Amino acid sequence: MHNPLGDTQPSSFYCGEVRTQVYYGTVRVVADNGKLLVYAGHSTTPFVLEPYDGDTFREASGESVAKFDAGSIATAGGVWFGRYEAPGRSGAFVRATP
């Protein structure tokens, strides 16, 4: 059994914009009541991530997971989304720099 609050960083650690190759574009992660909302591309409808195990979150639908990397002390350096992993396409996103 996983502890959904164990070793999870503060919400601000995970939030921000992350990007990858041109195919997917920018993904925005925002916090909302203990969950993370992920807006992909120009979508106004997010998918929801819930804490699962440390820096790993699962989609509320149960379909996939997202794993944030350690990055700096203040923010995650990027995230891998299982839902975007496909032949010839990577599910890995890196944090956008200002």
PDB file of N, CA and C in Angstrom:
ATOM      1  N   MET A   1       0.845  -1.178   0.000  1.00  0.00           N
ATOM      2  CA  MET A   1       0.000   0.000   0.000  1.00  0.00           C
ATOM      3  C   MET A   1       0.887   1.237   0.000  1.00  0.00           C
ATOM      4  N   HIS A   2       0.529   2.193  -0.814  1.00  0.00           N
ATOM      5  CA  HIS A   2       1.304   3.422  -0.925  1.00  0.00           C
ATOM      6  C   HIS A   2       0.733   4.495  -0.013  1.00  0.00           C
ATOM      7  N   ASN A   3       1.612   5.282   0.561  1.00  0.00           N
ATOM      8  CA  ASN A   3       1.208   6.418   1.378  1.00  0.00           C
ATOM      9  C   ASN A   3       1.105   7.626   0.456  1.00  0.00           C
ATOM     10  N   PRO A   4      -0.096   8.099   0.148  1.00  0.00           N
ATOM     11  CA  PRO A   4      -0.238   9.183  -0.816  1.00  0.00           C
ATOM     12  C   PRO A   4       0.383  10.494  -0.375  1.00  0.00           C
ATOM     13  N   LEU A   5       0.719  10.631   0.892  1.00  0.00           N
ATOM     14  CA  LEU A   5       1.343  11.875   1.336  1.00  0.00           C
ATOM     15  C   LEU A   5       2.823  11.694   1.656  1.00  0.00           C
ATOM     16  N   GLY A   6       3.323  10.466   1.618  1.00  0.00           N
ATOM     17  CA  GLY A   6       4.706  10.202   1.967  1.00  0.00           C
ATOM     18  C   GLY A   6       5.699  10.788   0.985  1.00  0.00           C
ATOM     19  N   ASP A   7       6.617  11.584   1.504  1.00  0.00           N
ATOM     20  CA  ASP A   7       7.714  12.156   0.731  1.00  0.00           C
ATOM     21  C   ASP A   7       7.281  13.065  -0.415  1.00  0.00           C
ATOM     22  N   THR A   8       6.058  13.501  -0.455  1.00  0.00           N
ATOM     23  CA  THR A   8       5.610  14.424  -1.492  1.00  0.00           C
ATOM     24  C   THR A   8       6.110  15.826  -1.157  1.00  0.00           C
ATOM     25  N   GLN A   9       6.621  16.510  -2.165  1.00  0.00           N
ATOM     26  CA  GLN A   9       7.113  17.876  -2.000  1.00  0.00           C
ATOM     27  C   GLN A   9       5.932  18.844  -1.888  1.00  0.00           C
ATOM     28  N   PRO A  10       6.181  20.101  -1.483  1.00  0.00           N
ATOM     29  CA  PRO A  10       5.108  21.106  -1.516  1.00  0.00           C
ATOM     30  C   PRO A  10       4.608  21.282  -2.960  1.00  0.00           C
ATOM     31  N   SER A  11       3.357  21.637  -3.121  1.00  0.00           N
ATOM     32  CA  SER A  11       2.760  21.777  -4.461  1.00  0.00           C
ATOM     33  C   SER A  11       3.582  22.670  -5.378  1.00  0.00           C
ATOM     34  N   SER A  12       4.163  23.744  -4.835  1.00  0.00           N
ATOM     35  CA  SER A  12       4.928  24.681  -5.663  1.00  0.00           C
ATOM     36  C   SER A  12       6.118  24.012  -6.349  1.00  0.00           C
ATOM     37  N   PHE A  13       6.620  22.910  -5.789  1.00  0.00           N
ATOM     38  CA  PHE A  13       7.738  22.172  -6.369  1.00  0.00           C
ATOM     39  C   PHE A  13       7.366  21.615  -7.742  1.00  0.00           C
ATOM     40  N   TYR A  14       6.133  21.209  -7.907  1.00  0.00           N
ATOM     41  CA  TYR A  14       5.689  20.550  -9.131  1.00  0.00           C
ATOM     42  C   TYR A  14       5.075  21.502 -10.161  1.00  0.00           C
ATOM     43  N   CYS A  15       4.634  22.657  -9.720  1.00  0.00           N
ATOM     44  CA  CYS A  15       3.885  23.570 -10.591  1.00  0.00           C
ATOM     45  C   CYS A  15       4.776  24.369 -11.521  1.00  0.00           C
ATOM     46  N   GLY A  16       4.207  24.763 -12.651  1.00  0.00           N
ATOM     47  CA  GLY A  16       4.908  25.578 -13.628  1.00  0.00           C
ATOM     48  C   GLY A  16       4.683  25.036 -15.025  1.00  0.00           C
ATOM     49  N   GLU A  17       5.489  25.525 -15.967  1.00  0.00           N
ATOM     50  CA  GLU A  17       5.392  25.062 -17.343  1.00  0.00           C
ATOM     51  C   GLU A  17       6.531  24.105 -17.634  1.00  0.00           C
ATOM     52  N   VAL A  18       6.202  23.028 -18.326  1.00  0.00           N
ATOM     53  CA  VAL A  18       7.200  22.080 -18.793  1.00  0.00           C
ATOM     54  C   VAL A  18       6.983  21.874 -20.278  1.00  0.00           C
ATOM     55  N   ARG A  19       8.030  21.540 -21.003  1.00  0.00           N
ATOM     56  CA  ARG A  19       7.879  21.396 -22.450  1.00  0.00           C
ATOM     57  C   ARG A  19       8.712  20.238 -22.962  1.00  0.00           C
ATOM     58  N   THR A  20       8.409  19.810 -24.164  1.00  0.00           N
ATOM     59  CA  THR A  20       9.170  18.762 -24.824  1.00  0.00           C
ATOM     60  C   THR A  20       9.242  19.080 -26.311  1.00  0.00           C
ATOM     61  N   GLN A  21       9.334  18.081 -27.137  1.00  0.00           N
ATOM     62  CA  GLN A  21       9.448  18.302 -28.571  1.00  0.00           C
ATOM     63  C   GLN A  21       8.212  19.017 -29.127  1.00  0.00           C
ATOM     64  N   VAL A  22       8.320  19.469 -30.348  1.00  0.00           N
ATOM     65  CA  VAL A  22       7.272  20.252 -30.996  1.00  0.00           C
ATOM     66  C   VAL A  22       5.918  19.516 -30.997  1.00  0.00           C
ATOM     67  N   TYR A  23       5.940  18.200 -31.044  1.00  0.00           N
ATOM     68  CA  TYR A  23       4.691  17.439 -31.134  1.00  0.00           C
ATOM     69  C   TYR A  23       3.716  17.758 -30.009  1.00  0.00           C
ATOM     70  N   TYR A  24       4.203  17.842 -28.776  1.00  0.00           N
ATOM     71  CA  TYR A  24       3.319  18.069 -27.641  1.00  0.00           C
ATOM     72  C   TYR A  24       3.249  19.521 -27.201  1.00  0.00           C
ATOM     73  N   GLY A  25       4.305  20.278 -27.378  1.00  0.00           N
ATOM     74  CA  GLY A  25       4.305  21.669 -26.949  1.00  0.00           C
ATOM     75  C   GLY A  25       4.424  21.815 -25.441  1.00  0.00           C
ATOM     76  N   THR A  26       3.845  22.886 -24.925  1.00  0.00           N
ATOM     77  CA  THR A  26       3.952  23.212 -23.508  1.00  0.00           C
ATOM     78  C   THR A  26       2.840  22.568 -22.697  1.00  0.00           C
ATOM     79  N   VAL A  27       3.187  22.104 -21.525  1.00  0.00           N
ATOM     80  CA  VAL A  27       2.236  21.554 -20.567  1.00  0.00           C
ATOM     81  C   VAL A  27       2.337  22.409 -19.308  1.00  0.00           C
ATOM     82  N   ARG A  28       1.202  22.805 -18.765  1.00  0.00           N
ATOM     83  CA  ARG A  28       1.170  23.629 -17.559  1.00  0.00           C
ATOM     84  C   ARG A  28       0.623  22.796 -16.407  1.00  0.00           C
ATOM     85  N   VAL A  29       1.319  22.853 -15.254  1.00  0.00           N
ATOM     86  CA  VAL A  29       0.917  22.113 -14.058  1.00  0.00           C
ATOM     87  C   VAL A  29       0.562  23.131 -12.972  1.00  0.00           C
ATOM     88  N   VAL A  30      -0.648  23.023 -12.431  1.00  0.00           N
ATOM     89  CA  VAL A  30      -1.091  23.925 -11.360  1.00  0.00           C
ATOM     90  C   VAL A  30      -1.652  23.095 -10.201  1.00  0.00           C
ATOM     91  N   ALA A  31      -1.552  23.644  -8.992  1.00  0.00           N
ATOM     92  CA  ALA A  31      -2.051  22.957  -7.793  1.00  0.00           C
ATOM     93  C   ALA A  31      -3.499  23.335  -7.538  1.00  0.00           C
ATOM     94  N   ASP A  32      -4.276  22.354  -7.032  1.00  0.00           N
ATOM     95  CA  ASP A  32      -5.675  22.598  -6.683  1.00  0.00           C
ATOM     96  C   ASP A  32      -6.094  21.620  -5.601  1.00  0.00           C
ATOM     97  N   ASN A  33      -6.191  22.091  -4.364  1.00  0.00           N
ATOM     98  CA  ASN A  33      -6.668  21.284  -3.239  1.00  0.00           C
ATOM     99  C   ASN A  33      -5.967  19.934  -3.095  1.00  0.00           C
ATOM    100  N   GLY A  34      -4.645  19.941  -3.101  1.00  0.00           N
ATOM    101  CA  GLY A  34      -3.896  18.713  -2.899  1.00  0.00           C
ATOM    102  C   GLY A  34      -3.712  17.856  -4.123  1.00  0.00           C
ATOM    103  N   LYS A  35      -4.247  18.276  -5.241  1.00  0.00           N
ATOM    104  CA  LYS A  35      -4.085  17.554  -6.497  1.00  0.00           C
ATOM    105  C   LYS A  35      -3.365  18.476  -7.471  1.00  0.00           C
ATOM    106  N   LEU A  36      -2.857  17.898  -8.542  1.00  0.00           N
ATOM    107  CA  LEU A  36      -2.234  18.688  -9.596  1.00  0.00           C
ATOM    108  C   LEU A  36      -3.107  18.616 -10.832  1.00  0.00           C
ATOM    109  N   LEU A  37      -3.336  19.761 -11.452  1.00  0.00           N
ATOM    110  CA  LEU A  37      -4.083  19.834 -12.701  1.00  0.00           C
ATOM    111  C   LEU A  37      -3.082  20.049 -13.822  1.00  0.00           C
ATOM    112  N   VAL A  38      -3.199  19.256 -14.883  1.00  0.00           N
ATOM    113  CA  VAL A  38      -2.268  19.333 -15.999  1.00  0.00           C
ATOM    114  C   VAL A  38      -3.035  19.764 -17.250  1.00  0.00           C
ATOM    115  N   TYR A  39      -2.602  20.894 -17.806  1.00  0.00           N
ATOM    116  CA  TYR A  39      -3.194  21.441 -19.026  1.00  0.00           C
ATOM    117  C   TYR A  39      -2.188  21.227 -20.157  1.00  0.00           C
ATOM    118  N   ALA A  40      -2.528  20.385 -21.105  1.00  0.00           N
ATOM    119  CA  ALA A  40      -1.633  20.081 -22.214  1.00  0.00           C
ATOM    120  C   ALA A  40      -1.954  20.961 -23.419  1.00  0.00           C
ATOM    121  N   GLY A  41      -0.907  21.539 -24.006  1.00  0.00           N
ATOM    122  CA  GLY A  41      -1.093  22.369 -25.193  1.00  0.00           C
ATOM    123  C   GLY A  41      -2.061  23.510 -24.938  1.00  0.00           C
ATOM    124  N   HIS A  42      -3.055  23.641 -25.814  1.00  0.00           N
ATOM    125  CA  HIS A  42      -4.048  24.713 -25.695  1.00  0.00           C
ATOM    126  C   HIS A  42      -5.326  24.252 -24.994  1.00  0.00           C
ATOM    127  N   SER A  43      -5.288  23.074 -24.405  1.00  0.00           N
ATOM    128  CA  SER A  43      -6.477  22.533 -23.756  1.00  0.00           C
ATOM    129  C   SER A  43      -6.881  23.364 -22.540  1.00  0.00           C
ATOM    130  N   THR A  44      -8.175  23.578 -22.399  1.00  0.00           N
ATOM    131  CA  THR A  44      -8.710  24.265 -21.224  1.00  0.00           C
ATOM    132  C   THR A  44      -9.284  23.268 -20.225  1.00  0.00           C
ATOM    133  N   THR A  45      -9.219  21.977 -20.583  1.00  0.00           N
ATOM    134  CA  THR A  45      -9.700  20.919 -19.709  1.00  0.00           C
ATOM    135  C   THR A  45      -8.498  20.125 -19.202  1.00  0.00           C
ATOM    136  N   PRO A  46      -8.218  20.186 -17.911  1.00  0.00           N
ATOM    137  CA  PRO A  46      -7.044  19.480 -17.397  1.00  0.00           C
ATOM    138  C   PRO A  46      -7.317  18.006 -17.127  1.00  0.00           C
ATOM    139  N   PHE A  47      -6.236  17.249 -17.030  1.00  0.00           N
ATOM    140  CA  PHE A  47      -6.361  15.939 -16.405  1.00  0.00           C
ATOM    141  C   PHE A  47      -5.776  16.081 -15.011  1.00  0.00           C
ATOM    142  N   VAL A  48      -6.245  15.270 -14.091  1.00  0.00           N
ATOM    143  CA  VAL A  48      -5.937  15.421 -12.666  1.00  0.00           C
ATOM    144  C   VAL A  48      -4.932  14.372 -12.223  1.00  0.00           C
ATOM    145  N   LEU A  49      -3.908  14.838 -11.491  1.00  0.00           N
ATOM    146  CA  LEU A  49      -2.937  13.938 -10.883  1.00  0.00           C
ATOM    147  C   LEU A  49      -3.119  13.954  -9.376  1.00  0.00           C
ATOM    148  N   GLU A  50      -3.093  12.766  -8.776  1.00  0.00           N
ATOM    149  CA  GLU A  50      -3.204  12.630  -7.324  1.00  0.00           C
ATOM    150  C   GLU A  50      -1.901  12.069  -6.783  1.00  0.00           C
ATOM    151  N   PRO A  51      -1.480  12.475  -5.582  1.00  0.00           N
ATOM    152  CA  PRO A  51      -0.260  11.917  -4.995  1.00  0.00           C
ATOM    153  C   PRO A  51      -0.352  10.397  -4.917  1.00  0.00           C
ATOM    154  N   TYR A  52       0.759   9.722  -5.248  1.00  0.00           N
ATOM    155  CA  TYR A  52       0.782   8.271  -5.206  1.00  0.00           C
ATOM    156  C   TYR A  52       1.918   7.761  -4.323  1.00  0.00           C
ATOM    157  N   ASP A  53       3.164   8.145  -4.680  1.00  0.00           N
ATOM    158  CA  ASP A  53       4.318   7.666  -3.923  1.00  0.00           C
ATOM    159  C   ASP A  53       5.481   8.626  -4.146  1.00  0.00           C
ATOM    160  N   GLY A  54       5.743   9.487  -3.174  1.00  0.00           N
ATOM    161  CA  GLY A  54       6.815  10.456  -3.316  1.00  0.00           C
ATOM    162  C   GLY A  54       6.539  11.408  -4.477  1.00  0.00           C
ATOM    163  N   ASP A  55       7.460  11.437  -5.450  1.00  0.00           N
ATOM    164  CA  ASP A  55       7.322  12.331  -6.603  1.00  0.00           C
ATOM    165  C   ASP A  55       6.583  11.671  -7.762  1.00  0.00           C
ATOM    166  N   THR A  56       5.943  10.547  -7.505  1.00  0.00           N
ATOM    167  CA  THR A  56       5.118   9.871  -8.513  1.00  0.00           C
ATOM    168  C   THR A  56       3.655  10.153  -8.208  1.00  0.00           C
ATOM    169  N   PHE A  57       2.932  10.559  -9.234  1.00  0.00           N
ATOM    170  CA  PHE A  57       1.503  10.844  -9.127  1.00  0.00           C
ATOM    171  C   PHE A  57       0.775   9.926 -10.092  1.00  0.00           C
ATOM    172  N   ARG A  58      -0.481   9.660  -9.820  1.00  0.00           N
ATOM    173  CA  ARG A  58      -1.281   8.865 -10.761  1.00  0.00           C
ATOM    174  C   ARG A  58      -2.445   9.711 -11.235  1.00  0.00           C
ATOM    175  N   GLU A  59      -2.865   9.423 -12.438  1.00  0.00           N
ATOM    176  CA  GLU A  59      -4.030  10.127 -12.959  1.00  0.00           C
ATOM    177  C   GLU A  59      -5.246   9.697 -12.160  1.00  0.00           C
ATOM    178  N   ALA A  60      -6.127  10.631 -11.885  1.00  0.00           N
ATOM    179  CA  ALA A  60      -7.342  10.329 -11.125  1.00  0.00           C
ATOM    180  C   ALA A  60      -8.156   9.242 -11.818  1.00  0.00           C
ATOM    181  N   SER A  61      -8.054   9.168 -13.140  1.00  0.00           N
ATOM    182  CA  SER A  61      -8.779   8.147 -13.900  1.00  0.00           C
ATOM    183  C   SER A  61      -8.167   6.762 -13.711  1.00  0.00           C
ATOM    184  N   GLY A  62      -6.946   6.701 -13.162  1.00  0.00           N
ATOM    185  CA  GLY A  62      -6.272   5.428 -12.955  1.00  0.00           C
ATOM    186  C   GLY A  62      -5.571   4.900 -14.187  1.00  0.00           C
ATOM    187  N   GLU A  63      -5.578   5.664 -15.276  1.00  0.00           N
ATOM    188  CA  GLU A  63      -5.030   5.181 -16.537  1.00  0.00           C
ATOM    189  C   GLU A  63      -3.516   5.210 -16.621  1.00  0.00           C
ATOM    190  N   SER A  64      -2.864   6.149 -15.947  1.00  0.00           N
ATOM    191  CA  SER A  64      -1.434   6.307 -16.128  1.00  0.00           C
ATOM    192  C   SER A  64      -0.805   6.988 -14.917  1.00  0.00           C
ATOM    193  N   VAL A  65       0.505   7.160 -14.973  1.00  0.00           N
ATOM    194  CA  VAL A  65       1.234   7.839 -13.906  1.00  0.00           C
ATOM    195  C   VAL A  65       2.077   8.966 -14.483  1.00  0.00           C
ATOM    196  N   ALA A  66       2.531   9.829 -13.586  1.00  0.00           N
ATOM    197  CA  ALA A  66       3.478  10.887 -13.923  1.00  0.00           C
ATOM    198  C   ALA A  66       4.567  10.857 -12.857  1.00  0.00           C
ATOM    199  N   LYS A  67       5.823  10.939 -13.293  1.00  0.00           N
ATOM    200  CA  LYS A  67       6.961  10.907 -12.372  1.00  0.00           C
ATOM    201  C   LYS A  67       7.765  12.187 -12.543  1.00  0.00           C
ATOM    202  N   PHE A  68       7.825  12.984 -11.474  1.00  0.00           N
ATOM    203  CA  PHE A  68       8.589  14.223 -11.482  1.00  0.00           C
ATOM    204  C   PHE A  68      10.025  13.924 -11.090  1.00  0.00           C
ATOM    205  N   ASP A  69      10.993  14.629 -11.722  1.00  0.00           N
ATOM    206  CA  ASP A  69      12.381  14.428 -11.332  1.00  0.00           C
ATOM    207  C   ASP A  69      12.776  15.438 -10.260  1.00  0.00           C
ATOM    208  N   ALA A  70      13.873  15.163  -9.599  1.00  0.00           N
ATOM    209  CA  ALA A  70      14.266  15.945  -8.431  1.00  0.00           C
ATOM    210  C   ALA A  70      14.542  17.410  -8.742  1.00  0.00           C
ATOM    211  N   GLY A  71      15.169  17.726  -9.853  1.00  0.00           N
ATOM    212  CA  GLY A  71      15.436  19.118 -10.193  1.00  0.00           C
ATOM    213  C   GLY A  71      16.247  19.826  -9.133  1.00  0.00           C
ATOM    214  N   SER A  72      15.938  21.088  -8.912  1.00  0.00           N
ATOM    215  CA  SER A  72      16.640  21.871  -7.900  1.00  0.00           C
ATOM    216  C   SER A  72      15.942  21.702  -6.562  1.00  0.00           C
ATOM    217  N   ILE A  73      16.426  22.421  -5.586  1.00  0.00           N
ATOM    218  CA  ILE A  73      15.819  22.365  -4.258  1.00  0.00           C
ATOM    219  C   ILE A  73      14.398  22.915  -4.292  1.00  0.00           C
ATOM    220  N   ALA A  74      14.146  23.911  -5.146  1.00  0.00           N
ATOM    221  CA  ALA A  74      12.855  24.601  -5.149  1.00  0.00           C
ATOM    222  C   ALA A  74      11.838  24.052  -6.140  1.00  0.00           C
ATOM    223  N   THR A  75      12.292  23.438  -7.232  1.00  0.00           N
ATOM    224  CA  THR A  75      11.349  22.998  -8.265  1.00  0.00           C
ATOM    225  C   THR A  75      11.790  21.701  -8.928  1.00  0.00           C
ATOM    226  N   ALA A  76      10.832  20.975  -9.458  1.00  0.00           N
ATOM    227  CA  ALA A  76      11.133  19.774 -10.233  1.00  0.00           C
ATOM    228  C   ALA A  76      11.773  20.199 -11.553  1.00  0.00           C
ATOM    229  N   GLY A  77      12.730  19.425 -12.022  1.00  0.00           N
ATOM    230  CA  GLY A  77      13.404  19.751 -13.279  1.00  0.00           C
ATOM    231  C   GLY A  77      12.604  19.340 -14.495  1.00  0.00           C
ATOM    232  N   GLY A  78      11.666  18.441 -14.307  1.00  0.00           N
ATOM    233  CA  GLY A  78      10.849  17.957 -15.409  1.00  0.00           C
ATOM    234  C   GLY A  78       9.901  16.887 -14.911  1.00  0.00           C
ATOM    235  N   VAL A  79       9.202  16.280 -15.860  1.00  0.00           N
ATOM    236  CA  VAL A  79       8.235  15.245 -15.516  1.00  0.00           C
ATOM    237  C   VAL A  79       8.081  14.299 -16.702  1.00  0.00           C
ATOM    238  N   TRP A  80       7.840  13.032 -16.392  1.00  0.00           N
ATOM    239  CA  TRP A  80       7.546  12.033 -17.414  1.00  0.00           C
ATOM    240  C   TRP A  80       6.091  11.638 -17.256  1.00  0.00           C
ATOM    241  N   PHE A  81       5.327  11.742 -18.356  1.00  0.00           N
ATOM    242  CA  PHE A  81       3.915  11.360 -18.364  1.00  0.00           C
ATOM    243  C   PHE A  81       3.760  10.060 -19.145  1.00  0.00           C
ATOM    244  N   GLY A  82       3.269   9.026 -18.480  1.00  0.00           N
ATOM    245  CA  GLY A  82       3.029   7.758 -19.153  1.00  0.00           C
ATOM    246  C   GLY A  82       2.064   7.883 -20.318  1.00  0.00           C
ATOM    247  N   ARG A  83       1.090   8.765 -20.201  1.00  0.00           N
ATOM    248  CA  ARG A  83       0.074   8.911 -21.254  1.00  0.00           C
ATOM    249  C   ARG A  83       0.655   9.414 -22.572  1.00  0.00           C
ATOM    250  N   TYR A  84       1.820  10.068 -22.536  1.00  0.00           N
ATOM    251  CA  TYR A  84       2.414  10.620 -23.754  1.00  0.00           C
ATOM    252  C   TYR A  84       3.527   9.762 -24.334  1.00  0.00           C
ATOM    253  N   GLU A  85       3.881   8.693 -23.661  1.00  0.00           N
ATOM    254  CA  GLU A  85       4.926   7.808 -24.154  1.00  0.00           C
ATOM    255  C   GLU A  85       4.353   6.950 -25.274  1.00  0.00           C
ATOM    256  N   ALA A  86       4.974   6.990 -26.442  1.00  0.00           N
ATOM    257  CA  ALA A  86       4.510   6.224 -27.602  1.00  0.00           C
ATOM    258  C   ALA A  86       5.710   5.999 -28.528  1.00  0.00           C
ATOM    259  N   PRO A  87       5.630   5.026 -29.414  1.00  0.00           N
ATOM    260  CA  PRO A  87       6.742   4.810 -30.342  1.00  0.00           C
ATOM    261  C   PRO A  87       7.076   6.110 -31.093  1.00  0.00           C
ATOM    262  N   GLY A  88       8.342   6.502 -31.018  1.00  0.00           N
ATOM    263  CA  GLY A  88       8.787   7.709 -31.702  1.00  0.00           C
ATOM    264  C   GLY A  88       8.480   9.001 -30.964  1.00  0.00           C
ATOM    265  N   ARG A  89       7.842   8.910 -29.798  1.00  0.00           N
ATOM    266  CA  ARG A  89       7.506  10.102 -29.005  1.00  0.00           C
ATOM    267  C   ARG A  89       7.860   9.851 -27.552  1.00  0.00           C
ATOM    268  N   SER A  90       8.435  10.864 -26.951  1.00  0.00           N
ATOM    269  CA  SER A  90       8.832  10.733 -25.549  1.00  0.00           C
ATOM    270  C   SER A  90       7.795  11.386 -24.640  1.00  0.00           C
ATOM    271  N   GLY A  91       7.567  10.765 -23.500  1.00  0.00           N
ATOM    272  CA  GLY A  91       6.680  11.338 -22.492  1.00  0.00           C
ATOM    273  C   GLY A  91       7.415  12.233 -21.514  1.00  0.00           C
ATOM    274  N   ALA A  92       8.723  12.445 -21.775  1.00  0.00           N
ATOM    275  CA  ALA A  92       9.548  13.262 -20.876  1.00  0.00           C
ATOM    276  C   ALA A  92       9.457  14.739 -21.254  1.00  0.00           C
ATOM    277  N   PHE A  93       9.166  15.568 -20.269  1.00  0.00           N
ATOM    278  CA  PHE A  93       9.088  17.021 -20.429  1.00  0.00           C
ATOM    279  C   PHE A  93      10.115  17.662 -19.505  1.00  0.00           C
ATOM    280  N   VAL A  94      10.737  18.752 -19.918  1.00  0.00           N
ATOM    281  CA  VAL A  94      11.679  19.485 -19.070  1.00  0.00           C
ATOM    282  C   VAL A  94      11.075  20.833 -18.711  1.00  0.00           C
ATOM    283  N   ARG A  95      11.454  21.357 -17.551  1.00  0.00           N
ATOM    284  CA  ARG A  95      10.922  22.638 -17.098  1.00  0.00           C
ATOM    285  C   ARG A  95      11.330  23.739 -18.061  1.00  0.00           C
ATOM    286  N   ALA A  96      10.377  24.577 -18.393  1.00  0.00           N
ATOM    287  CA  ALA A  96      10.647  25.738 -19.245  1.00  0.00           C
ATOM    288  C   ALA A  96      11.453  26.751 -18.461  1.00  0.00           C
ATOM    289  N   THR A  97      12.433  27.353 -19.107  1.00  0.00           N
ATOM    290  CA  THR A  97      13.206  28.402 -18.441  1.00  0.00           C
ATOM    291  C   THR A  97      12.619  29.754 -18.785  1.00  0.00           C
ATOM    292  N   PRO A  98      12.632  30.671 -17.809  1.00  0.00           N
ATOM    293  CA  PRO A  98      12.036  31.991 -18.069  1.00  0.00           C
ATOM    294  C   PRO A  98      12.747  32.778 -19.138  1.00  0.00           C
TER     295      PRO A  98
END
